[in-house]
N, C-alpha and C. Protein backbone atom coordinates (compact mmCIF):
# COMPACT_ATOMS: atom_id res chain seq x y z
N MET A 1 10.12 7.65 37.84
CA MET A 1 9.81 7.56 36.31
C MET A 1 10.33 9.02 35.97
N GLY A 2 11.88 8.99 35.08
CA GLY A 2 11.70 10.22 34.60
C GLY A 2 11.49 10.16 33.26
N ILE A 3 11.98 10.65 32.55
CA ILE A 3 11.26 11.21 31.38
C ILE A 3 11.93 10.27 30.14
N THR A 4 12.67 10.05 31.01
CA THR A 4 13.72 8.93 29.35
C THR A 4 13.12 7.80 29.51
N GLU A 5 12.95 7.00 30.73
CA GLU A 5 12.22 5.75 30.91
C GLU A 5 10.73 6.54 30.37
N LEU A 6 9.93 7.45 30.15
CA LEU A 6 8.72 7.41 28.96
C LEU A 6 8.68 7.27 27.86
N GLN A 7 10.13 7.90 26.98
CA GLN A 7 10.45 7.85 26.45
C GLN A 7 10.91 6.35 25.49
N GLY A 8 11.50 5.43 26.27
CA GLY A 8 11.78 4.22 26.02
C GLY A 8 10.62 3.58 26.19
N TYR A 9 9.34 3.24 26.68
CA TYR A 9 8.47 2.91 26.92
C TYR A 9 7.79 3.48 25.37
N ALA A 10 7.94 4.63 24.99
CA ALA A 10 7.04 5.46 24.20
C ALA A 10 7.03 4.58 22.54
N SER A 11 9.17 4.75 22.64
CA SER A 11 9.22 4.02 21.57
C SER A 11 9.48 2.53 21.62
N PHE A 12 9.17 1.70 22.82
CA PHE A 12 9.25 0.59 21.95
C PHE A 12 7.65 0.16 22.00
N PHE A 13 6.68 1.24 22.31
CA PHE A 13 5.15 0.71 22.09
C PHE A 13 5.02 1.29 20.67
N MET A 14 6.11 2.24 19.98
CA MET A 14 5.37 3.08 18.57
C MET A 14 6.14 2.06 17.70
N THR A 15 7.16 1.19 18.08
CA THR A 15 7.71 0.07 17.35
C THR A 15 7.12 -0.85 17.14
N ILE A 16 6.55 -1.53 17.85
CA ILE A 16 5.70 -2.86 17.69
C ILE A 16 4.00 -2.10 17.43
N PHE A 17 3.49 -1.05 17.04
CA PHE A 17 2.35 -0.49 16.92
C PHE A 17 3.07 -0.25 15.32
N LEU A 18 4.33 -0.25 14.34
CA LEU A 18 4.12 0.05 13.22
C LEU A 18 4.75 -1.18 13.39
N VAL A 19 4.91 -2.12 13.59
CA VAL A 19 5.36 -3.76 12.85
C VAL A 19 3.99 -4.04 12.62
N ILE A 20 3.18 -4.00 13.30
CA ILE A 20 1.72 -4.84 13.36
C ILE A 20 1.16 -3.54 12.15
N MET A 21 1.10 -2.99 11.85
CA MET A 21 0.25 -1.83 10.75
C MET A 21 1.24 -2.52 9.36
N LEU A 22 2.56 -2.67 9.73
CA LEU A 22 3.38 -2.83 8.14
C LEU A 22 3.05 -4.29 7.97
N TYR A 23 2.70 -5.48 8.79
CA TYR A 23 2.00 -6.90 8.78
C TYR A 23 0.44 -6.81 8.11
N TRP A 24 -0.09 -5.90 8.95
CA TRP A 24 -1.47 -5.67 7.91
C TRP A 24 -1.60 -5.56 6.56
N TYR A 25 -0.68 -4.08 6.45
CA TYR A 25 -0.41 -3.49 5.29
C TYR A 25 -0.13 -5.08 4.05
N ILE A 26 0.86 -5.60 3.93
CA ILE A 26 1.64 -7.19 3.21
C ILE A 26 0.19 -7.44 3.36
N ILE A 27 -0.53 -8.00 4.18
CA ILE A 27 -1.33 -9.23 4.07
C ILE A 27 -2.59 -8.53 3.30
N TYR A 28 -3.52 -7.48 3.64
CA TYR A 28 -3.62 -6.51 2.73
C TYR A 28 -3.76 -6.84 1.01
N LEU A 29 -2.64 -6.36 0.82
CA LEU A 29 -2.24 -6.06 -0.71
C LEU A 29 -2.12 -7.63 -0.93
N TYR A 30 -1.86 -8.85 -0.42
CA TYR A 30 -1.49 -9.92 -0.39
C TYR A 30 -2.87 -10.56 -1.18
N ARG A 31 -4.06 -10.29 -0.30
CA ARG A 31 -5.21 -10.51 -0.30
C ARG A 31 -6.06 -10.25 -1.94
N SER A 32 -5.83 -8.77 -1.87
CA SER A 32 -6.10 -7.89 -2.37
C SER A 32 -5.37 -8.29 -4.24
N GLU A 33 -4.52 -8.61 -4.02
CA GLU A 33 -3.83 -9.41 -5.39
C GLU A 33 -4.70 -10.97 -6.08
N LYS A 34 -5.01 -11.83 -4.53
CA LYS A 34 -5.20 -12.94 -4.71
C LYS A 34 -6.12 -13.05 -5.12
N LYS A 35 -7.49 -11.70 -4.66
CA LYS A 35 -9.46 -11.42 -5.11
C LYS A 35 -9.03 -11.47 -6.72
N GLY A 36 -8.05 -11.02 -7.18
CA GLY A 36 -7.94 -10.28 -8.12
C GLY A 36 -8.61 -9.05 -8.47
N GLU A 37 -8.34 -7.78 -7.81
CA GLU A 37 -8.84 -7.05 -7.64
C GLU A 37 -7.69 -5.92 -8.05
N ARG A 38 -6.38 -6.20 -8.08
CA ARG A 38 -5.02 -5.50 -8.54
C ARG A 38 -4.07 -6.33 -8.66
N ASP A 39 -3.58 -5.85 -9.84
CA ASP A 39 -1.93 -6.77 -10.13
C ASP A 39 -0.71 -5.67 -10.37
N TYR A 40 -0.42 -6.22 -8.42
CA TYR A 40 1.01 -5.16 -8.55
C TYR A 40 1.88 -5.16 -8.87
N GLU A 41 2.14 -6.42 -9.80
CA GLU A 41 3.26 -6.66 -10.47
C GLU A 41 3.34 -5.67 -11.76
N LYS A 42 1.80 -5.38 -12.21
CA LYS A 42 2.07 -3.91 -13.32
C LYS A 42 2.30 -3.09 -12.64
N TYR A 43 2.22 -2.40 -11.46
CA TYR A 43 2.80 -1.50 -10.53
C TYR A 43 4.46 -1.25 -10.58
N GLY A 44 4.78 -2.84 -10.73
CA GLY A 44 5.81 -2.65 -10.33
C GLY A 44 6.89 -2.39 -11.66
N ASN A 45 6.17 -2.48 -12.87
CA ASN A 45 6.88 -2.86 -14.25
C ASN A 45 6.68 -1.37 -14.79
N ILE A 46 5.94 -0.63 -14.13
CA ILE A 46 6.45 1.16 -14.51
C ILE A 46 7.34 1.35 -14.41
N ALA A 47 8.19 1.43 -13.49
CA ALA A 47 9.76 2.14 -13.44
C ALA A 47 10.43 1.16 -14.26
N LEU A 48 10.32 0.10 -14.85
CA LEU A 48 11.51 -1.04 -15.97
C LEU A 48 10.64 -0.15 -17.37
N ASP A 49 9.30 0.11 -17.53
CA ASP A 49 8.62 0.41 -19.16
C ASP A 49 8.23 1.68 -19.00
N ASP A 50 9.02 2.85 -18.81
CA ASP A 50 9.00 4.23 -18.94
C ASP A 50 8.94 4.96 -20.15
N GLU A 51 8.08 4.73 -21.03
CA GLU A 51 7.78 5.52 -22.42
C GLU A 51 6.88 6.22 -22.40
N ILE A 52 6.68 7.18 -23.30
CA ILE A 52 5.70 7.79 -23.45
C ILE A 52 4.73 6.53 -24.15
N THR A 53 4.58 6.01 -25.04
CA THR A 53 4.17 5.25 -25.80
C THR A 53 3.91 3.77 -24.92
N SER A 54 3.93 3.24 -24.01
CA SER A 54 4.00 2.40 -22.99
C SER A 54 2.32 2.36 -22.97
N THR A 55 1.79 1.38 -22.78
CA THR A 55 0.50 0.98 -22.15
C THR A 55 0.10 1.78 -21.03
N PRO A 56 -1.13 2.04 -20.62
CA PRO A 56 -1.60 2.23 -18.99
C PRO A 56 -1.54 1.08 -18.24
N VAL A 57 -1.37 1.13 -17.36
CA VAL A 57 -1.79 -0.56 -16.49
C VAL A 57 -3.04 -0.60 -16.15
N GLU A 58 -3.94 0.64 -15.80
CA GLU A 58 -5.07 0.45 -16.05
C GLU A 58 -5.68 1.28 -17.29
N ASP A 59 -6.96 0.77 -17.69
CA ASP A 59 -7.63 1.07 -19.35
C ASP A 59 -8.23 1.91 -18.56
N LYS A 60 -9.09 1.48 -17.50
CA LYS A 60 -9.88 2.83 -16.88
C LYS A 60 -10.05 4.01 -16.66
N PRO A 61 -10.37 5.24 -17.54
CA PRO A 61 -10.23 6.62 -16.83
C PRO A 61 -10.71 6.90 -15.53
N ALA A 62 -9.94 7.95 -15.03
CA ALA A 62 -10.36 8.10 -13.50
C ALA A 62 -12.31 8.44 -13.19
N SER A 63 -12.65 9.40 -14.54
CA SER A 63 -14.15 9.33 -13.67
C SER A 63 -14.69 8.15 -13.41
N GLN A 64 -14.56 6.79 -14.82
CA GLN A 64 -14.93 5.76 -14.20
C GLN A 64 -14.58 4.98 -13.15
N ARG A 65 -13.40 4.82 -12.55
CA ARG A 65 -12.67 4.31 -11.48
C ARG A 65 -13.82 5.00 -9.96
N HIS A 66 -13.53 6.24 -10.24
CA HIS A 66 -14.17 7.23 -8.88
C HIS A 66 -15.99 6.71 -8.82
N LYS A 67 -16.60 6.44 -9.57
CA LYS A 67 -17.74 6.13 -9.95
C LYS A 67 -18.00 4.61 -9.31
N GLU A 68 -17.12 3.92 -9.90
CA GLU A 68 -17.23 2.84 -9.19
C GLU A 68 -17.28 2.17 -7.53
N GLU A 69 -16.24 3.14 -7.54
CA GLU A 69 -15.74 2.94 -6.20
C GLU A 69 -17.08 3.31 -5.08
N ASN A 70 -17.83 4.92 -5.90
CA ASN A 70 -19.06 5.17 -4.73
C ASN A 70 -20.19 4.40 -4.35
N LYS A 71 -20.66 3.35 -5.43
CA LYS A 71 -21.39 2.74 -5.48
C LYS A 71 -21.87 1.56 -4.22
């Protein structure tokens, strides 16, 4: 078993691992949007509505978000 064979196995298993992580992240985003925790469509519109007078995506200041996360 040479180094090229080990690299092939490592590449294969790393690809499988990254695909599993990608699907896990997609499911996480879908579930959090269904629960109403976040609305990711608002974040998607940031690039389209990029002006200084635009309303913020979230109304909470960062200090309040930090306090709620630590509860």
